[in-house]
Amino acid sequence: MFDAIIFDCDGVLVDSEIVGLEDTAAFMRSKGFAWQAVDLVQLFTGLRDDVFAARLAKEYALILGRPPTEDEATELFATMIENRRRNRHMLQAVPGTKEMVIALEALPVARAVASSTRAQYLEDKLSRFDLLQHFAPHAYSAELVAAGKPAPDIFLYTAAKIGIAPAKCLVIEDSANGVRAGVSAGMTVWGFTGGGHCFDGHGDRLSEAGAARIVEDHGTLADQMAEALAG
C-alpha cells in the first residue's frame, strides 16, 4: 500500500511542542493576547518560522489596533521563541519513538523526516535521541523549499529525494497544518496524538484537516504500519 513513510519531527518523534508551552502562553497574555497553551497549539503548531511570524504579526495587529512595526513584530516573535527554547534542556523523545523506529527498519519501506524545524535544530534533535542514523540522509528541513507547511512543498521535496511517488507515501503528522500539507501533496496522512501537546479534541482537529486515521501512540503506530504494508 505504501512505499515510503515520512515523519514530521516535532510532536511525532521528539516531544518538543509541549516544552515551554505554558511559559510562552503566559508571556503572550502579558502582551494582551487571551491565549492559553491549547490556543498556541491550534494556531501555530507545524509552521515554519516565517509563516509562524507572519501569522503572529497578523494576530498582534488585532491587539494593537494597527499593524505592528517591523521592530515590534520581530521582538514579539523572538521573545516568544526564546521562551520556548530556554526550556530545551527538558526535551524528550515522544514515548516509544526509538522502539517504533527500530521496528520500522524491519519493514520493506523507505523512511524519511520532513520537518518545519530549521536544519541545524532538526539534526540536533534527531541526534540527541539517537534517531538521525535511522533516517539519514533523508531528514529534510522546510528551509530547503519555497513555502512552509501547510503548503505541500517539503513533502513533495522529500518524495523526490527518496524517489517515491507521492501517492505511495504515508505521512505521520501531529499538526493540522502538517496534515493539510501532506494531503495537498497527494499523500495519505495519519494523525498522531502521542505528543504532550495533544490536548482534548486534538485528534478531531487532525481528522477535520484530512487525516485518514488517528493513532494515539508509537506502539499502535508500529503495529498499524506493519498491517498496512502487509495488506
Foldseek 3Di string as FASTA:
>chain_A
DAQEEEEAPDQAFKQQLVALLQVLQVVVVVLPDPDGSLVCQQPPPQWALVVNLVVVQVVVCVRVVHRDDPVVSVVSSVVSVVSSVVRCVVIDTQPPNVVLLVLVVVANHAYAYQYSDDPVVQVVRCVVVVRQVSHPPRYDHCVVDDGGFVAQTSVLVSCVVVVHQLCNYEYEEAYLRVLNNSVNSNHAYEHEARHPSRDPPSNVSNVVSPHPYYDYGSVRVSVVVVVVRVD
